[in-house]
């Protein structure tokens, strides 16, 4: 046997676990398996992307809710601040201070909600695992053994 004939017999032997020396006549079967494996890999990547997007959307929604709470608190600061100034001027610095205290409490609540909402939004990372594993697909198709 010549070297090229021996090499031709070994093509396609290892990916499917077949013994070495399998004839090249089953190339169609090998290509079909590669197609099926690639299809499975792409489906798995799509499912991973969907799961990561759902998780990111959940965190983004939580952060957005906290920003909504901060907006409500900001509105209350303006409302009670305005009432406090109005009342303080109207009663010559008597009962108006109680409204100002309520406005200060709402300011603290708004600051806490805004800080927590900011933390939640910073934790949204997109789809990092999908991005990482999708980068490995070209290496896997080339047959590189060292995949990240």
N, C-alpha and C. Protein backbone atom coordinates (compact mmCIF):
# COMPACT_ATOMS: atom_id res chain seq x y z
N UNK A 1 0.84 -1.20 0.00
CA UNK A 1 0.00 0.00 0.00
C UNK A 1 0.87 1.25 0.00
N UNK A 2 0.40 2.27 -0.66
CA UNK A 2 1.14 3.53 -0.67
C UNK A 2 0.71 4.35 0.53
N UNK A 3 1.53 5.35 0.80
CA UNK A 3 1.25 6.23 1.96
C UNK A 3 -0.07 6.95 1.78
N UNK A 4 -0.37 7.47 0.59
CA UNK A 4 -1.63 8.21 0.39
C UNK A 4 -2.83 7.29 0.54
N UNK A 5 -2.70 6.02 0.09
CA UNK A 5 -3.81 5.09 0.25
C UNK A 5 -4.04 4.78 1.73
N UNK A 6 -2.97 4.61 2.49
CA UNK A 6 -3.11 4.35 3.93
C UNK A 6 -3.75 5.55 4.62
N UNK A 7 -3.33 6.75 4.26
CA UNK A 7 -3.90 7.96 4.86
C UNK A 7 -5.37 8.07 4.50
N UNK A 8 -5.73 7.74 3.25
CA UNK A 8 -7.12 7.82 2.83
C UNK A 8 -8.00 6.89 3.60
N UNK A 9 -7.49 5.75 3.99
CA UNK A 9 -8.31 4.81 4.75
C UNK A 9 -8.57 5.30 6.16
N UNK A 10 -7.68 6.11 6.68
CA UNK A 10 -7.83 6.53 8.09
C UNK A 10 -8.69 7.78 8.24
N UNK A 11 -8.96 8.47 7.20
CA UNK A 11 -9.77 9.68 7.30
C UNK A 11 -11.15 9.33 7.86
N UNK A 12 -11.61 10.11 8.79
CA UNK A 12 -12.94 9.90 9.35
C UNK A 12 -12.98 8.81 10.39
N UNK A 13 -11.85 8.27 10.79
CA UNK A 13 -11.87 7.14 11.71
C UNK A 13 -12.11 7.56 13.15
N UNK A 14 -11.52 8.66 13.59
CA UNK A 14 -11.56 8.94 15.01
C UNK A 14 -12.73 9.78 15.50
N UNK A 15 -13.29 10.74 14.74
CA UNK A 15 -14.38 11.54 15.30
C UNK A 15 -15.56 10.71 15.77
N UNK A 16 -15.96 9.69 15.07
CA UNK A 16 -17.11 8.89 15.47
C UNK A 16 -16.72 7.70 16.32
N UNK A 17 -15.43 7.53 16.58
CA UNK A 17 -14.99 6.42 17.39
C UNK A 17 -14.85 5.13 16.61
N UNK A 18 -14.90 5.18 15.25
CA UNK A 18 -14.74 3.98 14.46
C UNK A 18 -13.27 3.56 14.48
N UNK A 19 -13.02 2.31 14.19
CA UNK A 19 -11.64 1.84 14.19
C UNK A 19 -10.87 2.44 13.03
N UNK A 20 -9.53 2.59 13.21
CA UNK A 20 -8.73 3.11 12.11
C UNK A 20 -8.80 2.17 10.91
N UNK A 21 -8.62 2.69 9.75
CA UNK A 21 -8.63 1.88 8.57
C UNK A 21 -10.00 1.78 7.92
N UNK A 22 -10.99 2.50 8.40
CA UNK A 22 -12.32 2.47 7.80
C UNK A 22 -12.24 3.15 6.44
N UNK A 23 -12.83 2.57 5.43
CA UNK A 23 -12.70 3.13 4.08
C UNK A 23 -13.34 4.51 3.97
N UNK A 24 -12.83 5.26 3.03
CA UNK A 24 -13.29 6.62 2.80
C UNK A 24 -14.67 6.64 2.16
N UNK A 25 -15.27 5.51 1.86
CA UNK A 25 -16.56 5.46 1.20
C UNK A 25 -17.69 5.96 2.09
N UNK A 26 -17.48 6.07 3.41
CA UNK A 26 -18.52 6.54 4.32
C UNK A 26 -18.39 8.03 4.61
N UNK A 27 -17.84 8.78 3.67
CA UNK A 27 -17.68 10.22 3.85
C UNK A 27 -19.04 10.89 4.03
N UNK A 28 -20.03 10.41 3.29
CA UNK A 28 -21.37 10.99 3.42
C UNK A 28 -21.90 10.83 4.83
N UNK A 29 -21.68 9.68 5.42
CA UNK A 29 -22.11 9.44 6.81
C UNK A 29 -21.35 10.35 7.77
N UNK A 30 -20.06 10.52 7.53
CA UNK A 30 -19.24 11.39 8.37
C UNK A 30 -19.72 12.84 8.27
N UNK A 31 -19.97 13.29 7.04
CA UNK A 31 -20.46 14.66 6.84
C UNK A 31 -21.83 14.83 7.50
N UNK A 32 -22.67 13.80 7.41
CA UNK A 32 -23.98 13.86 8.07
C UNK A 32 -23.84 13.97 9.57
N UNK A 33 -22.92 13.22 10.14
CA UNK A 33 -22.70 13.30 11.60
C UNK A 33 -22.18 14.67 12.00
N UNK A 34 -21.26 15.19 11.20
CA UNK A 34 -20.73 16.53 11.50
C UNK A 34 -21.86 17.54 11.43
N UNK A 35 -22.72 17.42 10.43
CA UNK A 35 -23.86 18.33 10.32
C UNK A 35 -24.79 18.22 11.51
N UNK A 36 -25.08 16.99 11.93
CA UNK A 36 -25.95 16.80 13.10
C UNK A 36 -25.31 17.35 14.36
N UNK A 37 -23.99 17.09 14.52
CA UNK A 37 -23.29 17.60 15.71
C UNK A 37 -23.27 19.12 15.72
N UNK A 38 -23.02 19.72 14.55
CA UNK A 38 -23.02 21.17 14.45
C UNK A 38 -24.40 21.74 14.74
N UNK A 39 -25.43 21.09 14.24
CA UNK A 39 -26.80 21.52 14.49
C UNK A 39 -27.12 21.45 15.98
N UNK A 40 -26.71 20.36 16.62
CA UNK A 40 -26.93 20.22 18.06
C UNK A 40 -26.19 21.30 18.83
N UNK A 41 -24.95 21.56 18.43
CA UNK A 41 -24.15 22.59 19.10
C UNK A 41 -24.80 23.96 18.97
N UNK A 42 -25.28 24.29 17.78
CA UNK A 42 -25.92 25.59 17.57
C UNK A 42 -27.21 25.69 18.40
N UNK A 43 -28.00 24.60 18.45
CA UNK A 43 -29.23 24.62 19.27
C UNK A 43 -28.89 24.83 20.74
N UNK A 44 -27.84 24.16 21.21
CA UNK A 44 -27.45 24.32 22.61
C UNK A 44 -26.99 25.75 22.90
N UNK A 45 -26.27 26.33 21.96
CA UNK A 45 -25.82 27.71 22.13
C UNK A 45 -27.01 28.67 22.17
N UNK A 46 -28.00 28.42 21.33
CA UNK A 46 -29.20 29.26 21.32
C UNK A 46 -29.95 29.13 22.65
N UNK A 47 -30.07 27.92 23.17
CA UNK A 47 -30.74 27.72 24.46
C UNK A 47 -29.98 28.42 25.59
N UNK A 48 -28.64 28.32 25.56
CA UNK A 48 -27.83 29.01 26.56
C UNK A 48 -28.02 30.51 26.47
N UNK A 49 -28.05 31.03 25.25
CA UNK A 49 -28.26 32.47 25.07
C UNK A 49 -29.61 32.90 25.61
N UNK A 50 -30.65 32.10 25.35
CA UNK A 50 -31.99 32.42 25.86
C UNK A 50 -31.99 32.46 27.38
N UNK A 51 -31.36 31.47 28.01
CA UNK A 51 -31.32 31.42 29.47
C UNK A 51 -30.58 32.62 30.04
N UNK A 52 -29.46 32.98 29.41
CA UNK A 52 -28.70 34.12 29.90
C UNK A 52 -29.46 35.43 29.69
N UNK A 53 -30.16 35.55 28.58
CA UNK A 53 -30.93 36.77 28.33
C UNK A 53 -32.07 36.89 29.35
N UNK A 54 -32.73 35.75 29.66
CA UNK A 54 -33.80 35.79 30.68
C UNK A 54 -33.23 36.25 32.02
N UNK A 55 -32.07 35.72 32.41
CA UNK A 55 -31.47 36.09 33.69
C UNK A 55 -31.10 37.57 33.70
N UNK A 56 -30.50 38.04 32.61
CA UNK A 56 -30.13 39.45 32.53
C UNK A 56 -31.35 40.36 32.55
N UNK A 57 -32.41 39.95 31.86
CA UNK A 57 -33.63 40.75 31.83
C UNK A 57 -34.26 40.83 33.21
N UNK A 58 -34.20 39.73 33.96
CA UNK A 58 -34.75 39.72 35.31
C UNK A 58 -34.01 40.73 36.20
N UNK A 59 -32.67 40.74 36.11
CA UNK A 59 -31.88 41.68 36.90
C UNK A 59 -32.13 43.11 36.46
N UNK A 60 -32.24 43.31 35.14
CA UNK A 60 -32.50 44.65 34.64
C UNK A 60 -33.87 45.14 35.10
N UNK A 61 -34.86 44.25 35.11
CA UNK A 61 -36.19 44.62 35.58
C UNK A 61 -36.19 45.00 37.05
N UNK A 62 -35.44 44.26 37.84
CA UNK A 62 -35.34 44.56 39.28
C UNK A 62 -34.70 45.93 39.48
N UNK A 63 -33.62 46.20 38.74
CA UNK A 63 -32.95 47.50 38.84
C UNK A 63 -33.85 48.63 38.37
N UNK A 64 -34.61 48.38 37.29
CA UNK A 64 -35.52 49.40 36.78
C UNK A 64 -36.63 49.69 37.80
N UNK A 65 -37.10 48.64 38.48
CA UNK A 65 -38.11 48.84 39.53
C UNK A 65 -37.58 49.71 40.66
N UNK A 66 -36.31 49.49 41.01
CA UNK A 66 -35.72 50.32 42.07
C UNK A 66 -35.56 51.76 41.60
N UNK A 67 -35.21 51.96 40.32
CA UNK A 67 -35.16 53.32 39.79
C UNK A 67 -36.55 53.95 39.80
N UNK A 68 -37.57 53.15 39.54
CA UNK A 68 -38.95 53.66 39.62
C UNK A 68 -39.28 54.11 41.04
N UNK A 69 -38.87 53.30 42.03
CA UNK A 69 -39.06 53.70 43.43
C UNK A 69 -38.30 54.97 43.77
N UNK A 70 -37.09 55.10 43.23
CA UNK A 70 -36.30 56.32 43.45
C UNK A 70 -36.99 57.53 42.82
N UNK A 71 -37.60 57.33 41.65
CA UNK A 71 -38.33 58.43 41.00
C UNK A 71 -39.53 58.85 41.83
N UNK A 72 -40.25 57.86 42.38
CA UNK A 72 -41.38 58.18 43.25
C UNK A 72 -40.89 58.95 44.48
N UNK A 73 -39.78 58.49 45.07
CA UNK A 73 -39.23 59.17 46.23
C UNK A 73 -38.81 60.59 45.88
N UNK A 74 -38.23 60.77 44.69
CA UNK A 74 -37.86 62.13 44.25
C UNK A 74 -39.08 63.02 44.11
N UNK A 75 -40.14 62.46 43.58
CA UNK A 75 -41.39 63.21 43.48
C UNK A 75 -41.89 63.62 44.86
N UNK A 76 -41.82 62.66 45.80
CA UNK A 76 -42.28 62.97 47.16
C UNK A 76 -41.41 64.05 47.82
N UNK A 77 -40.10 64.04 47.53
CA UNK A 77 -39.20 65.09 48.05
C UNK A 77 -39.67 66.45 47.53
N UNK A 78 -39.94 66.53 46.25
CA UNK A 78 -40.41 67.79 45.70
C UNK A 78 -41.75 68.20 46.29
N UNK A 79 -42.66 67.24 46.42
CA UNK A 79 -43.99 67.54 46.95
C UNK A 79 -43.89 68.05 48.40
N UNK A 80 -43.24 67.23 49.24
CA UNK A 80 -43.17 67.64 50.65
C UNK A 80 -42.23 68.81 50.87
N UNK A 81 -41.20 68.92 50.04
CA UNK A 81 -40.33 70.11 50.15
C UNK A 81 -41.10 71.37 49.82
N UNK A 82 -41.89 71.31 48.78
CA UNK A 82 -42.71 72.47 48.41
C UNK A 82 -43.73 72.80 49.50
N UNK A 83 -44.39 71.74 50.00
CA UNK A 83 -45.37 71.95 51.08
C UNK A 83 -44.67 72.54 52.30
N UNK A 84 -43.46 72.03 52.60
CA UNK A 84 -42.73 72.53 53.77
C UNK A 84 -42.38 74.00 53.64
N UNK A 85 -41.88 74.37 52.47
CA UNK A 85 -41.53 75.78 52.27
C UNK A 85 -42.78 76.64 52.35
N UNK A 86 -43.82 76.18 51.69
CA UNK A 86 -45.08 76.93 51.72
C UNK A 86 -45.61 77.06 53.13
N UNK A 87 -45.63 75.96 53.85
CA UNK A 87 -46.18 75.97 55.20
C UNK A 87 -45.31 76.82 56.13
N UNK A 88 -43.98 76.69 56.00
CA UNK A 88 -43.07 77.45 56.87
C UNK A 88 -43.25 78.95 56.67
N UNK A 89 -43.38 79.34 55.42
CA UNK A 89 -43.58 80.76 55.16
C UNK A 89 -44.95 81.20 55.66
N UNK A 90 -45.97 80.37 55.45
CA UNK A 90 -47.34 80.72 55.82
C UNK A 90 -47.58 80.78 57.31
N UNK A 91 -46.89 80.00 58.07
CA UNK A 91 -47.14 79.99 59.52
C UNK A 91 -45.98 80.57 60.31
N UNK A 92 -45.08 81.25 59.62
CA UNK A 92 -43.94 81.90 60.23
C UNK A 92 -43.08 80.90 61.02
N UNK A 93 -42.66 79.87 60.30
CA UNK A 93 -41.73 78.86 60.79
C UNK A 93 -42.30 77.97 61.89
N UNK A 94 -43.59 77.69 61.90
CA UNK A 94 -44.19 76.81 62.90
C UNK A 94 -44.34 75.39 62.41
N UNK A 95 -45.50 75.01 61.93
CA UNK A 95 -45.84 73.64 61.54
C UNK A 95 -45.12 73.15 60.28
N UNK A 96 -44.56 74.03 59.54
CA UNK A 96 -43.90 73.65 58.29
C UNK A 96 -42.71 72.72 58.48
N UNK A 97 -42.07 72.77 59.62
CA UNK A 97 -40.89 71.91 59.84
C UNK A 97 -41.26 70.43 59.83
N UNK A 98 -42.47 70.11 60.19
CA UNK A 98 -42.86 68.69 60.15
C UNK A 98 -42.88 68.18 58.70
N UNK A 99 -43.35 68.99 57.77
CA UNK A 99 -43.35 68.58 56.37
C UNK A 99 -41.92 68.48 55.83
N UNK A 100 -41.05 69.36 56.30
CA UNK A 100 -39.66 69.30 55.87
C UNK A 100 -38.97 68.02 56.37
N UNK A 101 -39.32 67.58 57.57
CA UNK A 101 -38.77 66.32 58.09
C UNK A 101 -39.24 65.14 57.23
N UNK A 102 -40.51 65.15 56.86
CA UNK A 102 -41.03 64.08 56.00
C UNK A 102 -40.31 64.09 54.65
N UNK A 103 -40.04 65.26 54.11
CA UNK A 103 -39.32 65.37 52.84
C UNK A 103 -37.90 64.83 52.98
N UNK A 104 -37.25 65.08 54.10
CA UNK A 104 -35.89 64.57 54.33
C UNK A 104 -35.89 63.04 54.41
N UNK A 105 -36.92 62.49 55.05
CA UNK A 105 -37.03 61.02 55.11
C UNK A 105 -37.19 60.44 53.70
N UNK A 106 -38.04 61.06 52.87
CA UNK A 106 -38.21 60.59 51.50
C UNK A 106 -36.92 60.73 50.69
N UNK A 107 -36.14 61.77 50.98
CA UNK A 107 -34.86 61.94 50.29
C UNK A 107 -33.91 60.78 50.60
N UNK A 108 -33.88 60.37 51.87
CA UNK A 108 -33.03 59.24 52.25
C UNK A 108 -33.51 57.96 51.56
N UNK A 109 -34.81 57.72 51.57
CA UNK A 109 -35.37 56.53 50.91
C UNK A 109 -35.03 56.53 49.42
N UNK A 110 -35.18 57.68 48.78
CA UNK A 110 -34.86 57.78 47.36
C UNK A 110 -33.39 57.51 47.08
N UNK A 111 -32.50 58.02 47.93
CA UNK A 111 -31.06 57.79 47.75
C UNK A 111 -30.72 56.31 47.89
N UNK A 112 -31.32 55.65 48.88
CA UNK A 112 -31.06 54.22 49.10
C UNK A 112 -31.57 53.41 47.90
N UNK A 113 -32.78 53.69 47.43
CA UNK A 113 -33.33 52.97 46.28
C UNK A 113 -32.50 53.21 45.01
N UNK A 114 -32.05 54.42 44.80
CA UNK A 114 -31.23 54.72 43.62
C UNK A 114 -29.90 53.97 43.68
N UNK A 115 -29.28 53.93 44.85
CA UNK A 115 -28.01 53.22 45.00
C UNK A 115 -28.19 51.72 44.75
N UNK A 116 -29.25 51.15 45.32
CA UNK A 116 -29.52 49.71 45.11
C UNK A 116 -29.86 49.41 43.65
N UNK A 117 -30.65 50.27 43.02
CA UNK A 117 -30.98 50.10 41.61
C UNK A 117 -29.74 50.17 40.74
N UNK A 118 -28.84 51.06 41.05
CA UNK A 118 -27.58 51.18 40.30
C UNK A 118 -26.75 49.90 40.44
N UNK A 119 -26.70 49.34 41.63
CA UNK A 119 -25.97 48.08 41.84
C UNK A 119 -26.58 46.96 41.01
N UNK A 120 -27.89 46.87 40.97
CA UNK A 120 -28.56 45.82 40.20
C UNK A 120 -28.27 45.97 38.70
N UNK A 121 -28.31 47.20 38.20
CA UNK A 121 -28.05 47.43 36.78
C UNK A 121 -26.60 47.09 36.44
N UNK A 122 -25.66 47.38 37.32
CA UNK A 122 -24.25 47.05 37.08
C UNK A 122 -24.03 45.54 37.01
N UNK A 123 -24.88 44.75 37.64
CA UNK A 123 -24.72 43.30 37.65
C UNK A 123 -25.21 42.66 36.35
N UNK A 124 -25.88 43.40 35.51
CA UNK A 124 -26.35 42.87 34.23
C UNK A 124 -25.13 42.74 33.33
N UNK A 125 -24.84 41.50 32.91
CA UNK A 125 -23.62 41.25 32.15
C UNK A 125 -23.89 40.72 30.76
N UNK A 126 -25.10 40.76 30.31
CA UNK A 126 -25.38 40.24 28.98
C UNK A 126 -25.38 38.73 28.96
N UNK A 127 -24.70 38.15 27.98
CA UNK A 127 -24.67 36.70 27.83
C UNK A 127 -23.22 36.21 27.76
N UNK A 128 -22.49 36.31 28.87
CA UNK A 128 -21.05 36.01 28.84
C UNK A 128 -20.73 34.55 28.51
N UNK A 129 -21.47 33.59 29.05
CA UNK A 129 -21.15 32.19 28.79
C UNK A 129 -21.40 31.84 27.33
N UNK A 130 -22.47 32.34 26.77
CA UNK A 130 -22.76 32.08 25.36
C UNK A 130 -21.67 32.67 24.48
N UNK A 131 -21.25 33.88 24.78
CA UNK A 131 -20.19 34.52 24.01
C UNK A 131 -18.91 33.71 24.08
N UNK A 132 -18.57 33.23 25.26
CA UNK A 132 -17.35 32.46 25.45
C UNK A 132 -17.41 31.13 24.70
N UNK A 133 -18.51 30.42 24.85
CA UNK A 133 -18.59 29.11 24.21
C UNK A 133 -18.76 29.24 22.70
N UNK A 134 -19.39 30.30 22.22
CA UNK A 134 -19.54 30.50 20.78
C UNK A 134 -18.18 30.75 20.14
N UNK A 135 -17.25 31.36 20.87
CA UNK A 135 -15.90 31.57 20.35
C UNK A 135 -15.18 30.24 20.14
N UNK A 136 -15.57 29.22 20.87
CA UNK A 136 -14.92 27.92 20.76
C UNK A 136 -15.37 27.11 19.55
N UNK A 137 -16.48 27.47 18.93
CA UNK A 137 -17.01 26.69 17.81
C UNK A 137 -16.01 26.60 16.65
N UNK A 138 -15.39 27.70 16.20
CA UNK A 138 -14.43 27.55 15.09
C UNK A 138 -13.27 26.61 15.44
N UNK A 139 -12.76 26.68 16.68
CA UNK A 139 -11.68 25.78 17.07
C UNK A 139 -12.14 24.33 17.08
N UNK A 140 -13.36 24.11 17.53
CA UNK A 140 -13.89 22.74 17.56
C UNK A 140 -14.06 22.19 16.14
N UNK A 141 -14.48 23.05 15.23
CA UNK A 141 -14.64 22.60 13.85
C UNK A 141 -13.31 22.30 13.18
N UNK A 142 -12.27 23.03 13.59
CA UNK A 142 -10.94 22.78 13.04
C UNK A 142 -10.30 21.54 13.64
N UNK A 143 -10.82 21.08 14.76
CA UNK A 143 -10.27 19.91 15.40
C UNK A 143 -9.21 20.23 16.42
N UNK A 144 -9.09 21.49 16.81
CA UNK A 144 -8.11 21.85 17.84
C UNK A 144 -8.53 21.23 19.15
N UNK A 145 -7.59 20.59 19.81
CA UNK A 145 -7.91 19.91 21.05
C UNK A 145 -8.02 20.86 22.23
N UNK A 146 -7.27 21.93 22.20
CA UNK A 146 -7.24 22.84 23.34
C UNK A 146 -8.31 23.89 23.17
N UNK A 147 -9.42 23.68 23.86
CA UNK A 147 -10.55 24.61 23.83
C UNK A 147 -10.61 25.28 25.18
N UNK A 148 -10.86 26.57 25.17
CA UNK A 148 -10.86 27.34 26.43
C UNK A 148 -11.70 26.75 27.48
